[in-house]
Amino acid sequence: MSHANARLTPAGRLIMVQRIQSGRAVAHVAAEMGISRTTAWRWWRRFRECGPAGLIDRSSVARSHPRQTKACVEARVRIMRHLTRRGPVFIADKLGLQASTVGRVLRRHHVPLLRELDPVTGSVIRATRRSAQRYEHDHPGSLIHVDVKKLGRIPDGGGWRLHGRGQRPARKRGLGYDYVHTVIDDHSRVAYAEIHDDEKGTTAAGVLDRAIAFYARLGVKVERVISDNAFAYRHSAAFKAVVDAHGIRQRFIKPHCPWTNGKVERLNRTLATEWAYARPWSSNDDRKAGLTTWLDYYNLDRHHLGIGGKTPIDRINNGRGQYI
């Protein structure tokens, strides 16, 4: 489609070629129409070759793309995305490509964004929020987010993810749940997590106390904590006592607005995708043991697009924090 200030529209080009057809010089018609002779000759030539269809704007896309990523490489990118449900940075690192190249391949094949997918099944879901405003505190420790992720326990010998739904172990009910208490620093994204048998206030208070000590070892003083409105956070005397003992301010999200606590919600989703459901586990103890290794990877080696592609530890005192 011609732009708003174009000298010639398809109708104007037709008038131009009609004047040339009457026997007038191309240069004279170009001067009358206020265009260059080169432009007039180009449209006249297209008209002689294709008729009126030649006066329609053509796509500016190149007819050939000799430097486009090879089909076999694109197939590897799409397979890696399907198997891992990870972003361009991770896929690029595994395949030895540029993240921008992986992003273009995924867009070219209309692969849904990760935020549009269910983290466990990979099926497309629809999620909205009332506000698109994002925030980030300007230094580590200014705010930490806390939450609990509930996971079904795995029977010894593995569950249905290992054996298939038709070959479940005899005891498949009544195993209960593990409660993963998660904490993340708003600025750096350095995370802390513990697995417990419940989500009571005393348990949450102990996790917060140990998390504050963990950040202190990195040289970070916690100033604020934000959570949802769960009983353990809002009404627990033990949790409140820890908050007061360390002189930090407690905040709560607005009801039904989980995106206010979005960083820890995103951590829970990443934790489920990359640790809890990343592979079939043979026992609950095996999965528990894998959490520490995954957290070390998350804090020290995993690059985050939300912080400019850096690792979380890079944002703690410019990478000088001692990770223990």
Foldseek 3Di string as FASTA:
>chain_A
DDDPPDLDDLVRLVVLLVVVVVPDDLCVSCVVSVHHSVVSVCSNVLCVVPNSVSSHDDDPDDPDDPPQDDPVVLVQLVVCCVLQVDALVVSCVVSVHDSVNSVVSCVVVVPDHSVQAQLQPRHGHDDDADDPDDDFDDAWQAEKEKDKDKAQFAAAQFACQVVNPVDGDPDDPDRAIKIKIKMATRHLRQIDIDIDRDDALLVNLVRVLVVQVQVVLQVHHHAEYEYEDDCSCPPDPSNVVSCVVSNHYYYYDDPPRCCVSVSVVVVSSCCCSVQVNSGTDNGRVRSNVVPVVVSCCQQPPAFDVVNPRDHSCCRRVNNPGDRD
